[in-house]
């Protein structure tokens, strides 16, 4: 029986020497290229240079070295097909039984700031993908290895059985095609962006975890993570304690993180249920922000999610512990806080990167037979007094509350109304079929909350934020009945003047931001 041969040509040389030494000890010949051959020879591994196999030198600065019939014929020839074997014999081609290849670091190169297109192009591998595809196509006879994590498994089978198992070769073939597909997709996306093409969309996500079920127990579900890590992301969060996240947990937690990112370094906390904030507040510190957010709606937060941009310390943890919560997310938990919260067996504690805003992100939503893509709504315009359209002008205190409400309302399901005061929510109206209904819910909730504190809503000086314009003056009329003193809305209705007139009649100040934040 002819001696088996392996062709080795890798960029990532992790674990390579040990793997090749194992192959050689099992009686295999080793063919190697360029830097791979140099490393192996320096490590005491005798190799055959690729030029000795092809009878042709490496040319074009190494761009051409393995694209040769003596390589691809040796990989593609079917051992069970006599005509293939006869063709190899006639042309002096010896079989290659294993290919160990991983590719030039294209993704890593373009991720570096300042990389030029010329530099990127030099990291487009040609021979590597060709060898992987040839070997993977002929998986029945050839073993293809592109992942150093498979070295041990492959070597163990060769040492014990003389070759890899057929089922192993099939699996490795699938991995090789996945590897080349991901590689080509990355290159295609880079080149298409440079060329300004957008008629195709390439997405690449890796399985992060299987989920017990989706929104409901009869629905299968999985959680996939993007290659690129971004801030405010559950995909790269570190879970410190508690049960695995569910599909609905992930949806809710993501919504909470999008609210937190609105407030940067200002101490902030939000409680969330069913992807809507039930209580949100800013404070002097995390403890005050949490307490205000909890006081905003002590009923709805039961079984909810809490997210904060503050380090959770012992005092904050002790305030949260008595409440039944599903998840608490923060940039960090102190050891003392963990000691308090980890006594609750099922409570999920997650540390999330909130260090920066990060690059502009796209948002994808599946629809039957298609996919919607849009830029994530991370922009929130800063309100100014020049946006006032009414006779009554806003005070500085009102401007602060209007700005807070404007940051919150964009994350409430449309039609959305929030009522706020002193940097906390008092009422949230979400997802109604008309804006009057949402306003009624938010105003009634605010009235009940203030009554519990022994206060009259008409004397509280509350302000209101609306994610979309008022199509009629009726919502402003309702606001006036409850003592609302200032309103921010996008404006843009053909009946804007009607809303302005109602506001002027009740001495309410109203701002038009000029930016809409629908959230369907």
Protein backbone atom coordinates (compact mmCIF):
# COMPACT_ATOMS: atom_id res chain seq x y z
CA UNK A 1 0.00 0.00 0.00
CA UNK A 2 1.33 3.45 -0.96
CA UNK A 3 2.38 5.72 1.86
CA UNK A 4 -0.34 8.22 2.72
CA UNK A 5 0.39 11.90 2.20
CA UNK A 6 -0.88 15.06 3.86
CA UNK A 7 -0.64 18.59 2.42
CA UNK A 8 -0.26 21.26 5.07
CA UNK A 9 -0.58 25.01 4.42
CA UNK A 10 -1.93 27.18 7.25
CA UNK A 11 -2.04 30.80 8.40
CA UNK A 12 -3.14 29.91 11.93
CA UNK A 13 -0.37 27.64 13.15
CA UNK A 14 -1.93 26.85 16.52
CA UNK A 15 -1.24 23.22 17.46
CA UNK A 16 0.16 22.47 14.01
CA UNK A 17 3.56 21.05 14.96
CA UNK A 18 2.09 18.49 17.36
CA UNK A 19 -0.53 17.47 14.80
CA UNK A 20 1.97 16.99 11.98
CA UNK A 21 4.41 15.14 14.21
CA UNK A 22 1.56 12.78 15.06
CA UNK A 23 0.81 12.22 11.38
CA UNK A 24 4.47 11.57 10.65
CA UNK A 25 4.71 9.13 13.54
CA UNK A 26 1.73 7.29 12.00
CA UNK A 27 3.74 6.89 8.79
CA UNK A 28 2.39 9.78 6.74
CA UNK A 29 4.48 11.93 4.37
CA UNK A 30 4.11 15.68 4.84
CA UNK A 31 3.91 18.17 1.97
CA UNK A 32 4.12 21.81 3.05
CA UNK A 33 4.21 25.31 1.61
CA UNK A 34 6.15 28.49 2.40
CA UNK A 35 6.00 29.61 6.01
CA UNK A 36 4.33 26.39 7.08
CA UNK A 37 7.24 24.34 5.75
CA UNK A 38 9.74 26.64 7.44
CA UNK A 39 8.04 26.25 10.83
CA UNK A 40 7.84 22.47 10.51
CA UNK A 41 11.45 22.06 9.41
CA UNK A 42 12.63 24.27 12.29
CA UNK A 43 10.60 22.03 14.61
CA UNK A 44 12.33 18.90 13.36
CA UNK A 45 9.63 17.70 10.97
CA UNK A 46 10.90 16.45 7.61
CA UNK A 47 8.71 17.78 4.80
CA UNK A 48 8.38 17.79 1.02
CA UNK A 49 8.19 21.28 -0.49
CA UNK A 50 5.21 22.02 -2.71
CA UNK A 51 7.53 22.84 -5.62
CA UNK A 52 8.99 19.32 -5.40
CA UNK A 53 5.47 17.98 -5.94
CA UNK A 54 4.43 20.30 -8.77
CA UNK A 55 7.82 20.66 -10.43
CA UNK A 56 7.05 24.35 -10.63
CA UNK A 57 8.32 27.20 -8.43
CA UNK A 58 6.12 29.43 -6.29
CA UNK A 59 5.60 32.62 -8.31
CA UNK A 60 4.01 36.07 -8.05
CA UNK A 61 5.14 36.57 -4.44
CA UNK A 62 3.50 33.28 -3.47
CA UNK A 63 0.16 34.07 -5.10
CA UNK A 64 0.60 30.94 -7.24
CA UNK A 65 1.96 27.78 -5.66
CA UNK A 66 -0.75 25.10 -5.19
CA UNK A 67 -2.93 25.77 -8.24
CA UNK A 68 -1.56 22.80 -10.17
CA UNK A 69 -2.91 19.46 -11.53
CA UNK A 70 -0.43 17.54 -9.36
CA UNK A 71 -2.21 19.02 -6.33
CA UNK A 72 -5.85 19.09 -7.43
CA UNK A 73 -5.65 15.87 -9.43
CA UNK A 74 -4.21 14.21 -6.34
CA UNK A 75 -7.15 15.50 -4.29
CA UNK A 76 -10.05 15.11 -6.72
CA UNK A 77 -9.33 11.70 -8.18
CA UNK A 78 -11.84 9.06 -7.08
CA UNK A 79 -10.06 6.00 -5.75
CA UNK A 80 -12.93 3.76 -6.90
CA UNK A 81 -12.89 5.05 -10.48
CA UNK A 82 -10.29 3.20 -12.64
CA UNK A 83 -10.16 5.93 -15.28
CA UNK A 84 -9.25 8.51 -12.60
CA UNK A 85 -6.48 6.34 -11.23
CA UNK A 86 -5.19 5.60 -14.74
CA UNK A 87 -5.06 9.34 -15.50
CA UNK A 88 -3.01 9.96 -12.36
CA UNK A 89 -0.60 7.16 -13.25
CA UNK A 90 -0.17 8.45 -16.81
CA UNK A 91 0.67 11.93 -15.52
CA UNK A 92 2.88 10.94 -12.63
CA UNK A 93 0.51 12.22 -9.96
CA UNK A 94 0.58 10.74 -6.46
CA UNK A 95 -2.50 10.81 -4.26
CA UNK A 96 -2.92 13.28 -1.41
CA UNK A 97 -5.08 11.83 1.37
CA UNK A 98 -5.38 14.72 3.80
CA UNK A 99 -5.44 18.49 3.45
CA UNK A 100 -4.79 20.71 6.46
CA UNK A 101 -5.48 24.29 5.41
CA UNK A 102 -6.78 27.46 7.01
CA UNK A 103 -6.97 30.74 5.20
CA UNK A 104 -5.28 34.14 5.09
CA UNK A 105 -6.69 36.40 7.83
CA UNK A 106 -8.92 38.58 5.65
CA UNK A 107 -11.53 39.37 8.32
CA UNK A 108 -8.88 40.26 10.88
CA UNK A 109 -7.10 42.48 8.35
CA UNK A 110 -10.13 44.58 7.39
CA UNK A 111 -11.08 44.92 11.07
CA UNK A 112 -7.90 46.91 11.68
CA UNK A 113 -8.38 50.64 11.52
CA UNK A 114 -6.71 52.24 8.52
CA UNK A 115 -6.43 49.08 6.41
CA UNK A 116 -6.22 50.02 2.72
CA UNK A 117 -7.97 48.10 -0.02
CA UNK A 118 -4.59 47.06 -1.44
CA UNK A 119 -3.66 45.55 1.93
CA UNK A 120 -7.02 43.80 2.19
CA UNK A 121 -6.75 42.29 -1.28
CA UNK A 122 -3.39 40.71 -0.46
CA UNK A 123 -5.18 38.78 2.28
CA UNK A 124 -7.63 37.19 -0.15
CA UNK A 125 -6.63 33.53 -0.25
CA UNK A 126 -6.96 31.74 -3.60
CA UNK A 127 -5.09 28.46 -3.35
CA UNK A 128 -6.33 27.70 0.16
CA UNK A 129 -10.06 27.74 -0.63
CA UNK A 130 -9.38 25.80 -3.82
CA UNK A 131 -7.64 23.00 -1.92
CA UNK A 132 -10.33 22.93 0.74
CA UNK A 133 -13.08 22.68 -1.86
CA UNK A 134 -11.28 19.97 -3.82
CA UNK A 135 -10.64 17.87 -0.73
CA UNK A 136 -14.15 18.48 0.62
CA UNK A 137 -15.71 17.44 -2.70
CA UNK A 138 -13.82 14.15 -2.55
CA UNK A 139 -14.61 13.56 1.13
CA UNK A 140 -15.25 9.90 0.50
CA UNK A 141 -11.49 9.45 0.07
CA UNK A 142 -9.85 12.62 1.42
CA UNK A 143 -9.79 14.13 4.90
CA UNK A 144 -10.02 17.93 5.01
CA UNK A 145 -9.09 19.82 8.18
CA UNK A 146 -9.54 23.60 8.48
CA UNK A 147 -10.06 23.99 12.23
CA UNK A 148 -7.21 23.36 14.72
CA UNK A 149 -9.86 22.16 17.18
CA UNK A 150 -10.25 19.05 15.00
CA UNK A 151 -6.57 18.07 15.06
CA UNK A 152 -6.86 15.86 18.12
CA UNK A 153 -9.90 13.98 16.85
CA UNK A 154 -8.41 13.37 13.39
CA UNK A 155 -5.08 12.24 14.79
CA UNK A 156 -6.72 9.89 17.27
CA UNK A 157 -8.68 8.13 14.50
CA UNK A 158 -5.62 7.85 12.26
CA UNK A 159 -3.51 6.45 15.08
CA UNK A 160 -6.14 3.88 16.08
CA UNK A 161 -7.62 2.94 12.69
CA UNK A 162 -5.06 3.98 10.09
CA UNK A 163 -7.37 6.63 8.63
CA UNK A 164 -10.30 8.81 9.56
CA UNK A 165 -13.79 7.36 9.61
CA UNK A 166 -16.13 8.04 6.70
CA UNK A 167 -18.65 9.87 8.89
CA UNK A 168 -15.84 12.06 10.21
CA UNK A 169 -14.74 12.95 6.69
CA UNK A 170 -18.30 13.93 5.76
CA UNK A 171 -18.58 16.18 8.80
CA UNK A 172 -15.19 17.77 8.09
CA UNK A 173 -16.23 18.32 4.47
CA UNK A 174 -19.28 20.25 5.63
CA UNK A 175 -17.11 22.33 7.96
CA UNK A 176 -14.69 23.10 5.12
CA UNK A 177 -17.48 24.33 2.86
CA UNK A 178 -18.86 26.40 5.72
CA UNK A 179 -15.40 27.87 6.25
CA UNK A 180 -14.96 28.83 2.59
CA UNK A 181 -18.54 30.14 2.37
CA UNK A 182 -18.00 32.42 5.37
CA UNK A 183 -14.67 33.53 3.95
CA UNK A 184 -16.09 34.32 0.51
CA UNK A 185 -19.09 36.07 2.05
CA UNK A 186 -16.81 38.34 4.07
CA UNK A 187 -14.80 39.21 0.95
CA UNK A 188 -17.95 39.73 -1.11
CA UNK A 189 -19.45 42.05 1.51
CA UNK A 190 -16.22 44.07 1.66
CA UNK A 191 -15.92 44.37 -2.12
CA UNK A 192 -19.62 45.14 -2.57
CA UNK A 193 -19.43 47.93 -0.01
CA UNK A 194 -16.42 49.38 -1.81
CA UNK A 195 -18.31 49.17 -5.11
CA UNK A 196 -21.51 50.66 -3.66
CA UNK A 197 -23.67 47.61 -4.39
CA UNK A 198 -26.64 46.76 -2.15
CA UNK A 199 -29.01 44.48 -4.10
CA UNK A 200 -27.93 41.50 -2.00
CA UNK A 201 -27.59 41.11 1.76
CA UNK A 202 -25.09 38.74 3.36
CA UNK A 203 -25.55 37.89 7.04
CA UNK A 204 -23.31 35.73 9.20
CA UNK A 205 -24.34 34.55 12.64
CA UNK A 206 -23.05 31.72 14.82
CA UNK A 207 -25.22 29.63 17.11
CA UNK A 208 -24.84 30.96 20.64
CA UNK A 209 -27.31 28.68 22.34
CA UNK A 210 -30.36 26.54 21.77
CA UNK A 211 -33.45 27.78 23.58
CA UNK A 212 -36.05 25.62 25.32
CA UNK A 213 -38.73 27.16 23.10
CA UNK A 214 -39.73 30.41 21.41
CA UNK A 215 -42.45 32.86 22.34
CA UNK A 216 -44.65 29.86 23.18
CA UNK A 217 -43.80 26.28 24.21
CA UNK A 218 -44.78 24.79 20.83
CA UNK A 219 -42.28 26.99 18.92
CA UNK A 220 -38.68 25.90 18.35
CA UNK A 221 -36.07 28.64 18.83
CA UNK A 222 -32.34 29.33 18.81
CA UNK A 223 -30.15 32.34 19.62
CA UNK A 224 -27.51 33.30 17.06
CA UNK A 225 -24.75 35.86 17.59
CA UNK A 226 -23.14 38.15 15.02
CA UNK A 227 -19.40 37.87 14.40
CA UNK A 228 -18.79 41.48 15.36
CA UNK A 229 -19.15 42.31 19.03
CA UNK A 230 -20.99 45.55 19.78
CA UNK A 231 -21.86 47.33 23.04
CA UNK A 232 -25.26 46.94 24.70
CA UNK A 233 -25.51 43.41 23.32
CA UNK A 234 -26.77 40.24 24.96
CA UNK A 235 -24.77 38.22 22.43
CA UNK A 236 -21.56 39.20 24.20
CA UNK A 237 -22.96 39.62 27.72
CA UNK A 238 -21.52 37.59 30.58
CA UNK A 239 -24.10 35.72 32.64
CA UNK A 240 -22.96 35.51 36.25
CA UNK A 241 -25.90 33.70 37.81
CA UNK A 242 -29.33 32.19 37.23
CA UNK A 243 -31.21 30.11 34.71
CA UNK A 244 -30.58 30.14 30.98
CA UNK A 245 -32.20 32.99 29.10
CA UNK A 246 -35.44 32.25 27.26
CA UNK A 247 -36.56 33.64 23.90
CA UNK A 248 -38.81 36.19 25.59
CA UNK A 249 -36.09 37.07 28.11
CA UNK A 250 -33.75 37.92 25.24
CA UNK A 251 -36.35 40.06 23.49
CA UNK A 252 -37.17 41.96 26.67
CA UNK A 253 -33.56 42.35 27.74
CA UNK A 254 -32.59 43.71 24.35
CA UNK A 255 -35.37 46.29 24.56
CA UNK A 256 -34.18 47.32 28.02
CA UNK A 257 -30.60 47.74 26.84
CA UNK A 258 -31.73 49.98 23.99
CA UNK A 259 -33.34 52.27 26.56
CA UNK A 260 -30.26 52.30 28.78
CA UNK A 261 -28.02 53.36 25.89
CA UNK A 262 -30.04 56.60 25.64
CA UNK A 263 -28.57 57.90 28.88
CA UNK A 264 -24.83 57.45 28.50
CA UNK A 265 -23.14 58.03 31.86
CA UNK A 266 -26.14 59.69 33.56
CA UNK A 267 -27.19 57.31 36.38
CA UNK A 268 -30.27 55.58 35.01
CA UNK A 269 -32.43 52.53 35.68
CA UNK A 270 -35.37 51.01 33.85
CA UNK A 271 -37.85 48.27 34.69
CA UNK A 272 -39.35 46.55 31.67
CA UNK A 273 -42.20 44.15 30.88
CA UNK A 274 -43.16 42.80 27.46
CA UNK A 275 -40.68 45.08 25.68
CA UNK A 276 -42.18 48.26 27.19
CA UNK A 277 -40.74 50.28 30.08
CA UNK A 278 -42.98 50.15 33.13
CA UNK A 279 -40.78 52.45 35.18
CA UNK A 280 -37.69 54.49 34.29
CA UNK A 281 -35.72 57.14 36.10
CA UNK A 282 -32.48 59.07 36.39
CA UNK A 283 -30.91 59.83 39.75
CA UNK A 284 -27.88 61.14 41.59
CA UNK A 285 -26.61 57.56 41.72
CA UNK A 286 -27.70 54.01 40.99
CA UNK A 287 -29.56 53.59 44.26
CA UNK A 288 -31.72 56.66 43.67
CA UNK A 289 -32.30 55.77 39.99
CA UNK A 290 -33.44 52.26 40.97
CA UNK A 291 -35.75 53.48 43.74
CA UNK A 292 -37.40 56.07 41.49
CA UNK A 293 -37.83 53.53 38.67
CA UNK A 294 -39.36 51.02 41.10
CA UNK A 295 -41.68 53.64 42.61
CA UNK A 296 -42.87 54.54 39.10
CA UNK A 297 -44.82 51.27 38.84
CA UNK A 298 -44.46 48.80 41.70
CA UNK A 299 -47.14 46.51 40.25
CA UNK A 300 -45.99 46.02 36.66
CA UNK A 301 -42.34 45.45 37.52
CA UNK A 302 -43.25 42.15 39.22
CA UNK A 303 -41.60 39.43 37.14
CA UNK A 304 -39.89 42.04 34.98
CA UNK A 305 -36.41 42.94 33.87
CA UNK A 306 -34.18 45.67 35.28
CA UNK A 307 -31.31 47.33 33.42
CA UNK A 308 -29.01 50.05 34.68
CA UNK A 309 -25.89 51.80 33.49
CA UNK A 310 -24.60 51.95 37.08
CA UNK A 311 -22.41 49.47 38.91
CA UNK A 312 -24.75 47.47 41.14
CA UNK A 313 -23.44 47.72 44.70
CA UNK A 314 -24.64 46.14 47.92
CA UNK A 315 -27.17 48.89 48.73
CA UNK A 316 -28.69 48.74 45.27
CA UNK A 317 -28.79 44.94 45.39
CA UNK A 318 -30.56 44.95 48.74
CA UNK A 319 -33.21 47.25 47.27
CA UNK A 320 -33.78 44.87 44.36
CA UNK A 321 -33.65 41.58 46.26
CA UNK A 322 -37.18 41.63 47.75
CA UNK A 323 -38.74 42.09 44.28
CA UNK A 324 -39.42 39.13 42.00
CA UNK A 325 -37.32 39.93 38.92
CA UNK A 326 -36.34 37.77 35.96
CA UNK A 327 -33.11 39.56 35.00
CA UNK A 328 -30.84 42.33 36.26
CA UNK A 329 -28.35 43.80 33.78
CA UNK A 330 -25.52 46.18 34.57
CA UNK A 331 -21.97 46.98 33.43
CA UNK A 332 -20.72 45.40 36.65
CA UNK A 333 -21.81 43.89 39.98
CA UNK A 334 -19.67 44.27 43.08
CA UNK A 335 -18.78 41.11 45.00
CA UNK A 336 -21.01 42.30 47.86
CA UNK A 337 -23.93 42.79 45.46
CA UNK A 338 -23.47 39.31 44.04
CA UNK A 339 -23.48 37.85 47.54
CA UNK A 340 -26.88 39.45 48.10
CA UNK A 341 -28.49 38.62 44.74
CA UNK A 342 -27.11 35.12 44.22
CA UNK A 343 -29.25 33.91 47.13
CA UNK A 344 -32.10 34.02 44.58
CA UNK A 345 -31.44 30.80 42.65
CA UNK A 346 -33.20 31.63 39.39
CA UNK A 347 -32.44 35.35 39.11
CA UNK A 348 -30.35 35.97 35.99
CA UNK A 349 -27.49 38.42 36.51
CA UNK A 350 -25.79 39.71 33.39
CA UNK A 351 -22.78 41.97 32.94
CA UNK A 352 -23.13 43.89 29.67
CA UNK A 353 -20.59 46.04 27.85
CA UNK A 354 -21.88 49.62 28.07
CA UNK A 355 -18.53 51.26 27.43
CA UNK A 356 -19.32 53.11 24.21
CA UNK A 357 -21.97 53.76 21.60
CA UNK A 358 -20.20 51.64 18.99
CA UNK A 359 -20.69 51.64 15.21
CA UNK A 360 -23.99 52.25 13.46
CA UNK A 361 -25.99 49.03 13.53
CA UNK A 362 -28.60 47.55 11.25
CA UNK A 363 -31.82 46.04 12.56
CA UNK A 364 -33.34 43.01 10.82
CA UNK A 365 -36.91 41.77 11.12
CA UNK A 366 -38.17 38.65 9.38
CA UNK A 367 -41.46 38.69 7.52
CA UNK A 368 -43.06 35.81 5.65
CA UNK A 369 -40.74 35.09 2.74
CA UNK A 370 -38.56 38.13 3.34
CA UNK A 371 -36.46 40.30 5.60
CA UNK A 372 -36.74 43.98 6.51
CA UNK A 373 -33.54 45.90 7.22
CA UNK A 374 -33.21 49.34 8.72
CA UNK A 375 -30.67 51.36 10.64
CA UNK A 376 -31.16 50.97 14.39
CA UNK A 377 -32.87 54.05 15.85
CA UNK A 378 -30.07 55.27 18.11
CA UNK A 379 -30.36 58.97 17.28
CA UNK A 380 -32.37 61.14 19.66
CA UNK A 381 -32.45 64.83 18.86
CA UNK A 382 -31.65 67.22 21.69
CA UNK A 383 -34.63 69.43 22.48
CA UNK A 384 -34.20 73.21 22.56
CA UNK A 385 -36.49 76.07 23.54
CA UNK A 386 -36.44 77.19 19.91
CA UNK A 387 -38.67 74.19 19.14
CA UNK A 388 -41.51 75.72 21.15
CA UNK A 389 -44.58 76.44 18.97
CA UNK A 390 -46.91 77.83 21.67
CA UNK A 391 -47.31 81.18 23.39
CA UNK A 392 -46.28 79.70 26.74
CA UNK A 393 -42.55 79.06 26.82
CA UNK A 394 -40.95 76.12 28.67
CA UNK A 395 -39.00 76.55 31.89
CA UNK A 396 -35.55 75.01 32.34
CA UNK A 397 -37.05 72.39 34.64
CA UNK A 398 -39.66 71.49 32.05
CA UNK A 399 -37.01 71.25 29.33
CA UNK A 400 -35.10 68.72 31.44
CA UNK A 401 -38.21 66.59 31.94
CA UNK A 402 -39.25 66.89 28.30
CA UNK A 403 -35.83 65.67 27.23
CA UNK A 404 -36.06 62.72 29.62
CA UNK A 405 -39.55 61.85 28.38
CA UNK A 406 -38.42 62.14 24.75
CA UNK A 407 -35.66 59.57 25.37
CA UNK A 408 -38.14 57.15 26.96
CA UNK A 409 -41.12 57.45 24.61
CA UNK A 410 -39.13 56.33 21.57
CA UNK A 411 -38.83 52.88 23.18
CA UNK A 412 -42.53 52.44 23.95
CA UNK A 413 -44.74 50.57 21.48
CA UNK A 414 -46.69 52.97 19.26
CA UNK A 415 -48.98 54.76 19.73
CA UNK A 416 -46.82 55.85 22.67
CA UNK A 417 -47.41 58.40 25.41
CA UNK A 418 -45.32 58.87 28.55
CA UNK A 419 -45.94 61.24 31.43
CA UNK A 420 -42.91 62.26 33.50
CA UNK A 421 -41.70 64.57 36.25
CA UNK A 422 -38.37 65.05 37.98
CA UNK A 423 -36.58 62.48 35.82
CA UNK A 424 -38.98 59.56 36.31
CA UNK A 425 -41.99 58.11 34.56
CA UNK A 426 -45.40 58.46 36.16
CA UNK A 427 -47.48 57.01 33.35
CA UNK A 428 -46.83 54.93 30.23
CA UNK A 429 -49.43 54.35 27.51
CA UNK A 430 -48.35 51.79 24.91
CA UNK A 431 -49.53 49.98 21.81
CA UNK A 432 -53.05 51.34 21.52
CA UNK A 433 -54.87 51.66 18.20
CA UNK A 434 -55.22 55.42 18.70
CA UNK A 435 -53.23 58.06 20.53
CA UNK A 436 -56.16 59.16 22.69
CA UNK A 437 -56.29 55.67 24.19
CA UNK A 438 -52.58 55.68 24.99
CA UNK A 439 -52.87 59.15 26.52
CA UNK A 440 -55.78 58.03 28.68
CA UNK A 441 -53.80 55.06 30.01
CA UNK A 442 -50.70 57.13 30.78
CA UNK A 443 -52.63 59.98 32.40
CA UNK A 444 -54.80 57.67 34.52
CA UNK A 445 -51.72 55.77 35.69
CA UNK A 446 -49.97 59.02 36.59
CA UNK A 447 -53.04 60.18 38.54
CA UNK A 448 -53.15 56.95 40.54
CA UNK A 449 -49.42 57.05 41.24
CA UNK A 450 -49.58 60.62 42.52
CA UNK A 451 -52.70 59.90 44.57
CA UNK A 452 -50.80 57.09 46.32
CA UNK A 453 -48.23 59.73 47.27
CA UNK A 454 -50.98 62.06 48.50
CA UNK A 455 -50.58 64.48 45.58
CA UNK A 456 -53.04 66.07 43.16
CA UNK A 457 -52.13 65.45 39.52
CA UNK A 458 -53.31 68.91 38.52
CA UNK A 459 -50.78 70.49 40.85
CA UNK A 460 -47.87 68.20 40.00
CA UNK A 461 -46.57 70.04 36.93
CA UNK A 462 -46.24 66.89 34.80
CA UNK A 463 -45.00 66.89 31.23
CA UNK A 464 -45.97 64.57 28.35
CA UNK A 465 -44.05 63.07 25.43
CA UNK A 466 -45.60 61.52 22.32
CA UNK A 467 -43.69 59.40 19.79
CA UNK A 468 -45.85 60.64 16.90
CA UNK A 469 -47.83 63.77 16.09
CA UNK A 470 -51.33 64.45 17.43
CA UNK A 471 -53.76 64.08 14.49
CA UNK A 472 -56.35 66.13 16.41
CA UNK A 473 -56.43 68.38 19.43
CA UNK A 474 -58.21 65.77 21.58
CA UNK A 475 -55.05 64.34 23.18
CA UNK A 476 -53.93 67.84 24.17
CA UNK A 477 -57.39 68.47 25.61
CA UNK A 478 -57.09 65.27 27.70
CA UNK A 479 -53.64 66.33 28.87
CA UNK A 480 -55.00 69.70 29.99
CA UNK A 481 -57.74 68.00 32.03
CA UNK A 482 -55.04 66.21 34.03
CA UNK A 483 -52.89 69.29 34.55
CA UNK A 484 -50.11 68.55 32.04
CA UNK A 485 -48.00 71.70 31.72
CA UNK A 486 -45.67 70.85 28.81
CA UNK A 487 -45.73 68.51 25.80
CA UNK A 488 -43.18 67.34 23.25
CA UNK A 489 -44.27 65.73 20.00
CA UNK A 490 -42.77 65.48 16.49
CA UNK A 491 -45.29 67.72 14.76
CA UNK A 492 -46.08 67.27 11.09
CA UNK A 493 -49.85 66.74 11.15
CA UNK A 494 -52.09 68.70 8.79
CA UNK A 495 -53.94 69.62 12.00
CA UNK A 496 -50.90 70.82 13.94
CA UNK A 497 -52.51 74.23 14.39
CA UNK A 498 -55.50 72.64 16.12
CA UNK A 499 -53.17 71.09 18.73
CA UNK A 500 -51.31 74.38 19.11
CA UNK A 501 -54.56 76.29 19.61
CA UNK A 502 -55.76 73.87 22.32
CA UNK A 503 -52.38 74.10 24.07
CA UNK A 504 -52.48 77.92 23.97
CA UNK A 505 -56.02 77.91 25.35
CA UNK A 506 -54.80 75.97 28.39
CA UNK A 507 -51.43 77.76 28.73
CA UNK A 508 -49.53 74.55 27.93
CA UNK A 509 -46.10 74.81 26.38
CA UNK A 510 -45.57 72.50 23.40
CA UNK A 511 -42.44 71.62 21.46
CA UNK A 512 -42.23 70.16 17.96
CA UNK A 513 -39.05 68.07 17.72
CA UNK A 514 -39.32 67.39 14.00
CA UNK A 515 -38.28 63.74 14.58
CA UNK A 516 -40.66 60.80 14.84
CA UNK A 517 -39.95 57.60 16.83
CA UNK A 518 -42.62 55.03 15.94
CA UNK A 519 -41.93 51.59 17.37
CA UNK A 520 -44.29 48.97 15.93
